[in-house]
Amino acid sequence: MTFEEDVKKAVECMRKGGVILYPTDTVWGIGCDATNSEAVAKVYKIKQRDDSKALICLVDSDVRLQRYFRNIPNVAWQLFDSISESAKPTTVILDDANGVANNLVAEDGSLAVRITKEKFSHELCYRMQKPIVSTSANISGEETAQNYGDIDPKILEAVDYVCWTRRQEHLPHTPSSIVKLEKDGAVTIIRK
């Protein structure tokens, strides 16, 4: 299967409310349309995760990011600029999420988001024209799947589409760093 065909099938699946398994800029992820609350609920069910624990979203650009938050403070843009120069992907938790599924937003109104530069996940986000859920492809509490070969068969069977791109890869991958941007501009490190 070509890269182009894989992207097309994954996007078609998500547009129909399906859940995909796909390679990201960090580890393999379970994903769906972040604006579809039924699809988000499926992701929580597949992960066997309490829906009070928020999930991460990927977007393809800062322009897309702006569509899903009511107010992004200037310090956030400085943070994103410094992240883009960093070697490690970093997820930022921002307040006042808007336009995504309600069951994706934390109780305090925040949402964890990352601008992906990795070719495949970036193309998925670009083609969807929406944020895509990106949570590690493992059952909650179990070891994170770094590569396709590490993914629990229960997860493979539970999703609607499994991407072909990067299945043969066997490289060390780690989850993203996570930082929370507070309303006063303070940055709290959640995960290094």
N, C-alpha and C. Protein backbone atom coordinates (compact mmCIF):
# COMPACT_ATOMS: atom_id res chain seq x y z
N MET A 1 0.85 -1.19 0.00
CA MET A 1 0.00 0.00 0.00
C MET A 1 0.89 1.24 0.00
N THR A 2 0.53 2.23 -0.78
CA THR A 2 1.32 3.46 -0.84
C THR A 2 0.99 4.37 0.34
N PHE A 3 1.86 5.30 0.60
CA PHE A 3 1.66 6.32 1.64
C PHE A 3 0.34 7.04 1.39
N GLU A 4 0.14 7.45 0.14
CA GLU A 4 -1.06 8.19 -0.24
C GLU A 4 -2.34 7.38 0.02
N GLU A 5 -2.35 6.11 -0.36
CA GLU A 5 -3.51 5.25 -0.14
C GLU A 5 -3.79 5.07 1.36
N ASP A 6 -2.72 4.92 2.13
CA ASP A 6 -2.85 4.73 3.56
C ASP A 6 -3.48 5.96 4.21
N VAL A 7 -2.99 7.13 3.86
CA VAL A 7 -3.55 8.38 4.39
C VAL A 7 -5.02 8.49 4.02
N LYS A 8 -5.34 8.21 2.76
CA LYS A 8 -6.72 8.33 2.28
C LYS A 8 -7.66 7.41 3.05
N LYS A 9 -7.26 6.16 3.25
CA LYS A 9 -8.10 5.19 3.97
C LYS A 9 -8.28 5.59 5.44
N ALA A 10 -7.20 6.05 6.06
CA ALA A 10 -7.28 6.47 7.46
C ALA A 10 -8.21 7.66 7.63
N VAL A 11 -8.11 8.63 6.74
CA VAL A 11 -8.96 9.82 6.80
C VAL A 11 -10.43 9.45 6.55
N GLU A 12 -10.68 8.60 5.56
CA GLU A 12 -12.05 8.15 5.29
C GLU A 12 -12.65 7.47 6.51
N CYS A 13 -11.86 6.64 7.17
CA CYS A 13 -12.31 5.94 8.37
C CYS A 13 -12.68 6.94 9.46
N MET A 14 -11.82 7.91 9.72
CA MET A 14 -12.09 8.90 10.78
C MET A 14 -13.29 9.77 10.44
N ARG A 15 -13.45 10.12 9.17
CA ARG A 15 -14.60 10.95 8.77
C ARG A 15 -15.93 10.23 8.98
N LYS A 16 -15.89 8.89 8.98
CA LYS A 16 -17.09 8.09 9.21
C LYS A 16 -17.28 7.77 10.69
N GLY A 17 -16.45 8.36 11.56
CA GLY A 17 -16.56 8.12 13.00
C GLY A 17 -15.73 6.97 13.49
N GLY A 18 -14.83 6.45 12.66
CA GLY A 18 -14.01 5.31 13.03
C GLY A 18 -12.78 5.68 13.83
N VAL A 19 -12.16 4.65 14.39
CA VAL A 19 -10.95 4.80 15.19
C VAL A 19 -9.80 4.12 14.44
N ILE A 20 -8.67 4.80 14.37
CA ILE A 20 -7.50 4.27 13.65
C ILE A 20 -6.34 4.01 14.60
N LEU A 21 -5.40 3.21 14.13
CA LEU A 21 -4.14 2.97 14.80
C LEU A 21 -3.08 3.49 13.83
N TYR A 22 -2.22 4.41 14.30
CA TYR A 22 -1.31 5.06 13.35
C TYR A 22 0.00 5.48 13.99
N PRO A 23 1.07 5.61 13.18
CA PRO A 23 2.35 6.09 13.69
C PRO A 23 2.30 7.60 13.85
N THR A 24 2.93 8.10 14.90
CA THR A 24 2.94 9.55 15.14
C THR A 24 4.38 10.04 15.23
N ASP A 25 4.53 11.26 15.69
CA ASP A 25 5.87 11.84 15.89
C ASP A 25 6.51 11.29 17.16
N THR A 26 5.78 10.46 17.92
CA THR A 26 6.33 9.82 19.11
C THR A 26 6.10 8.31 18.97
N VAL A 27 5.18 7.76 19.74
CA VAL A 27 4.87 6.32 19.70
C VAL A 27 3.65 6.08 18.80
N TRP A 28 3.32 4.80 18.55
CA TRP A 28 2.10 4.50 17.81
C TRP A 28 0.90 4.98 18.62
N GLY A 29 -0.12 5.48 17.92
CA GLY A 29 -1.26 6.06 18.61
C GLY A 29 -2.60 5.51 18.15
N ILE A 30 -3.56 5.63 19.04
CA ILE A 30 -4.96 5.37 18.71
C ILE A 30 -5.55 6.75 18.43
N GLY A 31 -6.25 6.88 17.31
CA GLY A 31 -6.75 8.20 16.94
C GLY A 31 -8.14 8.19 16.36
N CYS A 32 -8.72 9.39 16.33
CA CYS A 32 -10.04 9.60 15.72
C CYS A 32 -10.22 11.10 15.51
N ASP A 33 -11.33 11.45 14.91
CA ASP A 33 -11.73 12.85 14.74
C ASP A 33 -11.98 13.43 16.12
N ALA A 34 -11.21 14.43 16.50
CA ALA A 34 -11.31 15.02 17.84
C ALA A 34 -12.58 15.84 18.04
N THR A 35 -13.36 16.03 16.99
CA THR A 35 -14.62 16.77 17.13
C THR A 35 -15.82 15.83 17.26
N ASN A 36 -15.58 14.53 17.19
CA ASN A 36 -16.65 13.53 17.21
C ASN A 36 -16.67 12.83 18.58
N SER A 37 -17.65 13.18 19.42
CA SER A 37 -17.69 12.66 20.79
C SER A 37 -17.91 11.15 20.84
N GLU A 38 -18.65 10.58 19.87
CA GLU A 38 -18.85 9.13 19.85
C GLU A 38 -17.54 8.41 19.54
N ALA A 39 -16.77 8.94 18.61
CA ALA A 39 -15.47 8.35 18.27
C ALA A 39 -14.51 8.46 19.45
N VAL A 40 -14.53 9.60 20.13
CA VAL A 40 -13.67 9.78 21.31
C VAL A 40 -14.04 8.76 22.39
N ALA A 41 -15.34 8.53 22.58
CA ALA A 41 -15.80 7.54 23.56
C ALA A 41 -15.28 6.14 23.21
N LYS A 42 -15.22 5.83 21.91
CA LYS A 42 -14.68 4.53 21.48
C LYS A 42 -13.21 4.39 21.87
N VAL A 43 -12.46 5.50 21.73
CA VAL A 43 -11.04 5.47 22.08
C VAL A 43 -10.87 5.17 23.57
N TYR A 44 -11.65 5.85 24.40
CA TYR A 44 -11.59 5.58 25.85
C TYR A 44 -11.91 4.11 26.14
N LYS A 45 -12.90 3.58 25.45
CA LYS A 45 -13.30 2.18 25.67
C LYS A 45 -12.17 1.22 25.25
N ILE A 46 -11.57 1.47 24.09
CA ILE A 46 -10.48 0.62 23.59
C ILE A 46 -9.30 0.63 24.58
N LYS A 47 -8.98 1.80 25.09
CA LYS A 47 -7.86 1.92 26.04
C LYS A 47 -8.21 1.45 27.44
N GLN A 48 -9.51 1.24 27.69
CA GLN A 48 -10.00 0.90 29.02
C GLN A 48 -9.55 1.98 30.00
N ARG A 49 -9.77 3.20 29.59
CA ARG A 49 -9.31 4.37 30.34
C ARG A 49 -10.50 5.18 30.83
N ASP A 50 -10.42 5.68 32.03
CA ASP A 50 -11.45 6.54 32.60
C ASP A 50 -11.52 7.82 31.77
N ASP A 51 -12.73 8.22 31.38
CA ASP A 51 -12.82 9.40 30.52
C ASP A 51 -12.58 10.71 31.27
N SER A 52 -12.27 10.63 32.56
CA SER A 52 -11.88 11.85 33.28
C SER A 52 -10.40 12.17 33.02
N LYS A 53 -9.67 11.21 32.45
CA LYS A 53 -8.27 11.44 32.09
C LYS A 53 -8.22 11.93 30.65
N ALA A 54 -7.82 13.15 30.45
CA ALA A 54 -7.85 13.77 29.13
C ALA A 54 -6.89 13.08 28.15
N LEU A 55 -7.21 13.22 26.86
CA LEU A 55 -6.39 12.69 25.78
C LEU A 55 -5.70 13.84 25.05
N ILE A 56 -4.66 13.52 24.32
CA ILE A 56 -3.90 14.50 23.54
C ILE A 56 -4.49 14.58 22.13
N CYS A 57 -4.39 15.76 21.51
CA CYS A 57 -4.77 15.95 20.11
C CYS A 57 -3.55 16.41 19.32
N LEU A 58 -3.54 16.03 18.06
CA LEU A 58 -2.52 16.52 17.13
C LEU A 58 -3.16 17.46 16.13
N VAL A 59 -2.44 18.49 15.75
CA VAL A 59 -2.84 19.39 14.67
C VAL A 59 -1.65 19.55 13.74
N ASP A 60 -1.92 20.05 12.53
CA ASP A 60 -0.84 20.17 11.55
C ASP A 60 -0.18 21.54 11.53
N SER A 61 -0.79 22.54 12.19
CA SER A 61 -0.22 23.89 12.09
C SER A 61 -0.75 24.79 13.20
N ASP A 62 -0.07 25.92 13.38
CA ASP A 62 -0.54 26.89 14.37
C ASP A 62 -1.86 27.52 13.93
N VAL A 63 -2.09 27.61 12.63
CA VAL A 63 -3.37 28.14 12.13
C VAL A 63 -4.51 27.24 12.57
N ARG A 64 -4.35 25.94 12.43
CA ARG A 64 -5.38 24.99 12.87
C ARG A 64 -5.56 25.06 14.38
N LEU A 65 -4.47 25.17 15.08
CA LEU A 65 -4.51 25.26 16.55
C LEU A 65 -5.41 26.42 17.00
N GLN A 66 -5.29 27.54 16.36
CA GLN A 66 -6.06 28.74 16.73
C GLN A 66 -7.57 28.54 16.63
N ARG A 67 -8.00 27.62 15.79
CA ARG A 67 -9.44 27.40 15.61
C ARG A 67 -10.09 26.70 16.79
N TYR A 68 -9.27 26.08 17.65
CA TYR A 68 -9.83 25.24 18.71
C TYR A 68 -9.58 25.74 20.13
N PHE A 69 -9.18 27.01 20.22
CA PHE A 69 -9.02 27.65 21.53
C PHE A 69 -9.57 29.06 21.45
N ARG A 70 -10.31 29.47 22.49
CA ARG A 70 -10.91 30.80 22.49
C ARG A 70 -9.86 31.90 22.57
N ASN A 71 -8.81 31.64 23.35
CA ASN A 71 -7.79 32.66 23.56
C ASN A 71 -6.44 31.99 23.79
N ILE A 72 -5.52 32.25 22.91
CA ILE A 72 -4.17 31.70 23.07
C ILE A 72 -3.25 32.86 23.45
N PRO A 73 -2.72 32.83 24.68
CA PRO A 73 -1.86 33.94 25.10
C PRO A 73 -0.56 33.99 24.30
N ASN A 74 0.02 35.20 24.23
CA ASN A 74 1.28 35.39 23.48
C ASN A 74 2.38 34.46 23.96
N VAL A 75 2.43 34.21 25.27
CA VAL A 75 3.48 33.35 25.81
C VAL A 75 3.38 31.93 25.21
N ALA A 76 2.17 31.52 24.82
CA ALA A 76 2.00 30.19 24.19
C ALA A 76 2.73 30.13 22.86
N TRP A 77 2.66 31.21 22.09
CA TRP A 77 3.34 31.23 20.79
C TRP A 77 4.86 31.18 20.98
N GLN A 78 5.35 31.85 22.01
CA GLN A 78 6.78 31.79 22.31
C GLN A 78 7.17 30.36 22.70
N LEU A 79 6.29 29.72 23.46
CA LEU A 79 6.52 28.33 23.87
C LEU A 79 6.54 27.41 22.65
N PHE A 80 5.57 27.57 21.74
CA PHE A 80 5.53 26.74 20.53
C PHE A 80 6.76 26.98 19.65
N ASP A 81 7.21 28.22 19.57
CA ASP A 81 8.42 28.52 18.80
C ASP A 81 9.63 27.80 19.38
N SER A 82 9.76 27.80 20.71
CA SER A 82 10.90 27.12 21.33
C SER A 82 10.79 25.61 21.19
N ILE A 83 9.56 25.09 21.20
CA ILE A 83 9.34 23.66 21.03
C ILE A 83 9.74 23.22 19.63
N SER A 84 9.41 24.03 18.62
CA SER A 84 9.72 23.64 17.24
C SER A 84 11.22 23.51 17.01
N GLU A 85 12.01 24.16 17.84
CA GLU A 85 13.47 24.06 17.73
C GLU A 85 14.03 22.90 18.55
N SER A 86 13.18 22.30 19.38
CA SER A 86 13.59 21.20 20.24
C SER A 86 13.54 19.89 19.48
N ALA A 87 14.39 18.95 19.87
CA ALA A 87 14.40 17.64 19.21
C ALA A 87 13.25 16.76 19.67
N LYS A 88 12.76 16.98 20.90
CA LYS A 88 11.72 16.12 21.45
C LYS A 88 10.34 16.75 21.26
N PRO A 89 9.39 15.98 20.69
CA PRO A 89 8.03 16.50 20.57
C PRO A 89 7.46 16.84 21.95
N THR A 90 6.79 17.98 22.02
CA THR A 90 6.23 18.45 23.28
C THR A 90 4.76 18.81 23.09
N THR A 91 3.96 18.29 24.02
CA THR A 91 2.52 18.57 24.05
C THR A 91 2.29 19.71 25.03
N VAL A 92 1.43 20.64 24.66
CA VAL A 92 1.12 21.78 25.52
C VAL A 92 -0.35 21.71 25.91
N ILE A 93 -0.62 21.89 27.20
CA ILE A 93 -1.99 21.94 27.69
C ILE A 93 -2.38 23.40 27.78
N LEU A 94 -3.42 23.76 27.01
CA LEU A 94 -3.90 25.14 26.96
C LEU A 94 -5.32 25.22 27.49
N ASP A 95 -5.67 26.36 28.07
CA ASP A 95 -7.02 26.59 28.57
C ASP A 95 -7.97 27.01 27.45
N ASP A 96 -9.25 26.97 27.76
CA ASP A 96 -10.33 27.49 26.90
C ASP A 96 -10.43 26.77 25.56
N ALA A 97 -10.42 25.43 25.59
CA ALA A 97 -10.62 24.66 24.37
C ALA A 97 -12.02 24.89 23.84
N ASN A 98 -12.15 24.85 22.52
CA ASN A 98 -13.42 25.16 21.88
C ASN A 98 -13.54 24.38 20.58
N GLY A 99 -14.72 23.83 20.30
CA GLY A 99 -14.95 23.21 19.00
C GLY A 99 -14.51 21.76 18.89
N VAL A 100 -14.06 21.15 19.99
CA VAL A 100 -13.74 19.73 19.99
C VAL A 100 -14.79 18.99 20.82
N ALA A 101 -14.76 17.68 20.76
CA ALA A 101 -15.72 16.87 21.51
C ALA A 101 -15.63 17.20 23.01
N ASN A 102 -16.79 17.34 23.65
CA ASN A 102 -16.83 17.67 25.08
C ASN A 102 -16.09 16.65 25.94
N ASN A 103 -16.16 15.36 25.56
CA ASN A 103 -15.51 14.32 26.36
C ASN A 103 -14.00 14.27 26.15
N LEU A 104 -13.48 15.20 25.39
CA LEU A 104 -12.04 15.31 25.16
C LEU A 104 -11.43 16.41 26.03
N VAL A 105 -12.27 17.35 26.42
CA VAL A 105 -11.81 18.51 27.19
C VAL A 105 -11.79 18.17 28.68
N ALA A 106 -10.71 18.56 29.36
CA ALA A 106 -10.59 18.32 30.80
C ALA A 106 -11.64 19.14 31.55
N GLU A 107 -11.88 18.77 32.79
CA GLU A 107 -12.89 19.46 33.61
C GLU A 107 -12.62 20.96 33.73
N ASP A 108 -11.34 21.35 33.69
CA ASP A 108 -11.01 22.78 33.82
C ASP A 108 -11.07 23.52 32.48
N GLY A 109 -11.54 22.84 31.42
CA GLY A 109 -11.67 23.48 30.12
C GLY A 109 -10.41 23.46 29.27
N SER A 110 -9.40 22.74 29.72
CA SER A 110 -8.13 22.70 28.98
C SER A 110 -8.09 21.51 28.03
N LEU A 111 -7.17 21.58 27.10
CA LEU A 111 -6.95 20.53 26.12
C LEU A 111 -5.46 20.40 25.85
N ALA A 112 -4.98 19.17 25.77
CA ALA A 112 -3.58 18.90 25.45
C ALA A 112 -3.44 18.80 23.94
N VAL A 113 -2.52 19.57 23.37
CA VAL A 113 -2.38 19.61 21.92
C VAL A 113 -0.90 19.68 21.53
N ARG A 114 -0.62 19.07 20.37
CA ARG A 114 0.75 19.08 19.85
C ARG A 114 0.69 19.34 18.35
N ILE A 115 1.56 20.21 17.87
CA ILE A 115 1.69 20.44 16.44
C ILE A 115 2.69 19.41 15.93
N THR A 116 2.22 18.49 15.09
CA THR A 116 3.09 17.42 14.61
C THR A 116 3.80 17.81 13.32
N LYS A 117 5.06 17.46 13.27
CA LYS A 117 5.87 17.71 12.06
C LYS A 117 6.18 16.40 11.33
N GLU A 118 5.94 15.26 12.01
CA GLU A 118 6.22 13.95 11.41
C GLU A 118 5.35 13.79 10.16
N LYS A 119 5.91 13.26 9.09
CA LYS A 119 5.27 13.27 7.78
C LYS A 119 3.87 12.64 7.76
N PHE A 120 3.71 11.44 8.31
CA PHE A 120 2.44 10.73 8.21
C PHE A 120 1.35 11.39 9.06
N SER A 121 1.63 11.61 10.33
CA SER A 121 0.60 12.20 11.21
C SER A 121 0.27 13.64 10.78
N HIS A 122 1.27 14.36 10.28
CA HIS A 122 1.02 15.72 9.77
C HIS A 122 0.06 15.67 8.58
N GLU A 123 0.29 14.74 7.67
CA GLU A 123 -0.57 14.61 6.49
C GLU A 123 -1.99 14.21 6.89
N LEU A 124 -2.12 13.32 7.87
CA LEU A 124 -3.47 12.95 8.36
C LEU A 124 -4.21 14.18 8.88
N CYS A 125 -3.54 14.96 9.72
CA CYS A 125 -4.16 16.17 10.28
C CYS A 125 -4.51 17.17 9.19
N TYR A 126 -3.59 17.33 8.24
CA TYR A 126 -3.83 18.28 7.14
C TYR A 126 -5.05 17.85 6.32
N ARG A 127 -5.13 16.57 5.99
CA ARG A 127 -6.25 16.07 5.18
C ARG A 127 -7.57 16.10 5.94
N MET A 128 -7.54 15.84 7.25
CA MET A 128 -8.76 15.87 8.06
C MET A 128 -9.27 17.30 8.21
N GLN A 129 -8.36 18.26 8.23
CA GLN A 129 -8.68 19.67 8.47
C GLN A 129 -9.29 19.86 9.86
N LYS A 130 -8.93 18.96 10.77
CA LYS A 130 -9.40 18.99 12.16
C LYS A 130 -8.31 18.38 13.03
N PRO A 131 -8.41 18.58 14.35
CA PRO A 131 -7.48 17.88 15.24
C PRO A 131 -7.79 16.39 15.24
N ILE A 132 -6.77 15.60 15.50
CA ILE A 132 -6.91 14.14 15.60
C ILE A 132 -6.46 13.72 16.99
N VAL A 133 -7.26 12.88 17.63
CA VAL A 133 -6.87 12.33 18.93
C VAL A 133 -5.59 11.51 18.74
N SER A 134 -4.70 11.61 19.71
CA SER A 134 -3.46 10.84 19.67
C SER A 134 -3.15 10.37 21.08
N THR A 135 -3.51 9.14 21.37
CA THR A 135 -3.20 8.55 22.67
C THR A 135 -2.44 7.26 22.42
N SER A 136 -1.49 6.95 23.28
CA SER A 136 -0.64 5.79 23.05
C SER A 136 -1.44 4.51 22.84
N ALA A 137 -0.95 3.65 21.95
CA ALA A 137 -1.65 2.43 21.54
C ALA A 137 -1.41 1.31 22.55
N ASN A 138 -1.93 1.52 23.74
CA ASN A 138 -1.82 0.50 24.78
C ASN A 138 -3.06 0.56 25.67
N ILE A 139 -3.31 -0.52 26.38
CA ILE A 139 -4.39 -0.52 27.36
C ILE A 139 -3.87 0.27 28.55
N SER A 140 -4.72 1.09 29.12
CA SER A 140 -4.33 1.97 30.22
C SER A 140 -3.59 1.20 31.31
N GLY A 141 -2.44 1.74 31.70
CA GLY A 141 -1.64 1.12 32.75
C GLY A 141 -0.61 0.13 32.25
N GLU A 142 -0.71 -0.28 30.98
CA GLU A 142 0.26 -1.22 30.42
C GLU A 142 1.38 -0.46 29.71
N GLU A 143 2.43 -1.19 29.35
CA GLU A 143 3.60 -0.63 28.68
C GLU A 143 3.21 0.07 27.38
N THR A 144 3.81 1.22 27.12
CA THR A 144 3.57 1.96 25.88
C THR A 144 4.18 1.21 24.69
N ALA A 145 3.42 1.10 23.61
CA ALA A 145 3.90 0.45 22.39
C ALA A 145 4.76 1.43 21.60
N GLN A 146 6.06 1.18 21.55
CA GLN A 146 6.96 2.08 20.82
C GLN A 146 6.85 1.89 19.32
N ASN A 147 6.64 0.63 18.90
CA ASN A 147 6.56 0.29 17.48
C ASN A 147 5.32 -0.57 17.24
N TYR A 148 4.97 -0.75 16.00
CA TYR A 148 3.79 -1.52 15.64
C TYR A 148 3.83 -2.93 16.25
N GLY A 149 4.98 -3.57 16.21
CA GLY A 149 5.12 -4.93 16.72
C GLY A 149 4.88 -5.06 18.22
N ASP A 150 4.86 -3.96 18.94
CA ASP A 150 4.65 -3.97 20.39
C ASP A 150 3.17 -3.86 20.78
N ILE A 151 2.30 -3.65 19.80
CA ILE A 151 0.89 -3.35 20.11
C ILE A 151 0.13 -4.63 20.48
N ASP A 152 -0.62 -4.54 21.57
CA ASP A 152 -1.45 -5.65 22.07
C ASP A 152 -2.47 -6.04 20.99
N PRO A 153 -2.63 -7.34 20.70
CA PRO A 153 -3.60 -7.79 19.70
C PRO A 153 -5.03 -7.31 20.00
N LYS A 154 -5.37 -7.11 21.27
CA LYS A 154 -6.71 -6.61 21.63
C LYS A 154 -6.95 -5.23 21.03
N ILE A 155 -5.91 -4.41 21.00
CA ILE A 155 -6.03 -3.07 20.42
C ILE A 155 -6.16 -3.18 18.90
N LEU A 156 -5.33 -4.04 18.30
CA LEU A 156 -5.39 -4.21 16.84
C LEU A 156 -6.79 -4.64 16.39
N GLU A 157 -7.42 -5.50 17.16
CA GLU A 157 -8.76 -6.00 16.81
C GLU A 157 -9.85 -4.97 17.08
N ALA A 158 -9.63 -4.07 18.02
CA ALA A 158 -10.67 -3.13 18.45
C ALA A 158 -10.82 -1.90 17.55
N VAL A 159 -9.75 -1.52 16.84
CA VAL A 159 -9.83 -0.32 15.99
C VAL A 159 -10.46 -0.66 14.64
N ASP A 160 -10.86 0.40 13.92
CA ASP A 160 -11.52 0.21 12.63
C ASP A 160 -10.54 0.18 11.46
N TYR A 161 -9.37 0.79 11.63
CA TYR A 161 -8.38 0.78 10.56
C TYR A 161 -6.98 0.84 11.17
N VAL A 162 -6.09 -0.02 10.68
CA VAL A 162 -4.69 -0.03 11.12
C VAL A 162 -3.83 0.45 9.95
N CYS A 163 -3.13 1.55 10.15
CA CYS A 163 -2.29 2.10 9.09
C CYS A 163 -1.11 1.18 8.78
N TRP A 164 -0.68 1.22 7.52
CA TRP A 164 0.44 0.39 7.05
C TRP A 164 1.78 1.10 7.17
N THR A 165 1.75 2.41 7.08
CA THR A 165 2.98 3.19 7.11
C THR A 165 3.76 2.95 8.39
N ARG A 166 5.06 2.70 8.26
CA ARG A 166 6.03 2.52 9.35
C ARG A 166 5.78 1.26 10.20
N ARG A 167 5.04 0.29 9.68
CA ARG A 167 4.83 -0.95 10.45
C ARG A 167 6.12 -1.72 10.66
N GLN A 168 7.04 -1.65 9.69
CA GLN A 168 8.28 -2.44 9.77
C GLN A 168 9.35 -1.79 10.66
N GLU A 169 9.09 -0.59 11.09
CA GLU A 169 10.07 0.16 11.87
C GLU A 169 10.31 -0.47 13.24
N HIS A 170 11.58 -0.51 13.65
CA HIS A 170 11.96 -0.99 14.98
C HIS A 170 12.98 -0.03 15.57
N LEU A 171 12.48 1.10 16.03
CA LEU A 171 13.34 2.14 16.59
C LEU A 171 12.84 2.51 17.98
N PRO A 172 13.72 3.01 18.84
CA PRO A 172 13.23 3.46 20.15
C PRO A 172 12.39 4.74 19.99
N HIS A 173 11.22 4.74 20.59
CA HIS A 173 10.35 5.91 20.58
C HIS A 173 9.86 6.15 21.99
N THR A 174 9.66 7.40 22.34
CA THR A 174 9.15 7.72 23.67
C THR A 174 7.98 8.68 23.53
N PRO A 175 7.08 8.68 24.53
CA PRO A 175 5.98 9.64 24.50
C PRO A 175 6.53 11.07 24.55
N SER A 176 5.68 12.02 24.19
CA SER A 176 6.09 13.42 24.19
C SER A 176 6.27 13.94 25.61
N SER A 177 7.00 15.03 25.71
CA SER A 177 7.01 15.80 26.95
C SER A 177 5.65 16.50 27.02
N ILE A 178 5.19 16.79 28.23
CA ILE A 178 3.92 17.51 28.38
C ILE A 178 4.13 18.68 29.33
N VAL A 179 3.72 19.87 28.89
CA VAL A 179 3.77 21.06 29.74
C VAL A 179 2.40 21.71 29.78
N LYS A 180 2.08 22.32 30.90
CA LYS A 180 0.80 23.03 31.03
C LYS A 180 1.10 24.51 31.13
N LEU A 181 0.42 25.27 30.29
CA LEU A 181 0.56 26.72 30.32
C LEU A 181 -0.57 27.26 31.19
N GLU A 182 -0.20 27.86 32.31
CA GLU A 182 -1.18 28.41 33.25
C GLU A 182 -1.68 29.76 32.73
N LYS A 183 -2.83 30.19 33.25
CA LYS A 183 -3.41 31.46 32.81
C LYS A 183 -2.50 32.66 33.08
N ASP A 184 -1.66 32.55 34.13
CA ASP A 184 -0.75 33.65 34.47
C ASP A 184 0.55 33.59 33.66
N GLY A 185 0.65 32.63 32.73
CA GLY A 185 1.84 32.52 31.88
C GLY A 185 2.88 31.55 32.41
N ALA A 186 2.67 31.06 33.62
CA ALA A 186 3.62 30.09 34.19
C ALA A 186 3.53 28.77 33.43
N VAL A 187 4.67 28.09 33.28
CA VAL A 187 4.73 26.81 32.59
C VAL A 187 5.05 25.73 33.62
N THR A 188 4.18 24.72 33.70
CA THR A 188 4.39 23.60 34.61
C THR A 188 4.72 22.36 33.80
N ILE A 189 5.81 21.69 34.14
CA ILE A 189 6.19 20.45 33.43
C ILE A 189 5.39 19.31 34.03
N ILE A 190 4.62 18.62 33.20
CA ILE A 190 3.80 17.49 33.63
C ILE A 190 4.56 16.18 33.40
N ARG A 191 5.23 16.08 32.23
CA ARG A 191 6.02 14.89 31.90
C ARG A 191 7.25 15.34 31.11
N LYS A 192 8.43 14.91 31.57
CA LYS A 192 9.67 15.32 30.90
C LYS A 192 9.89 14.50 29.64
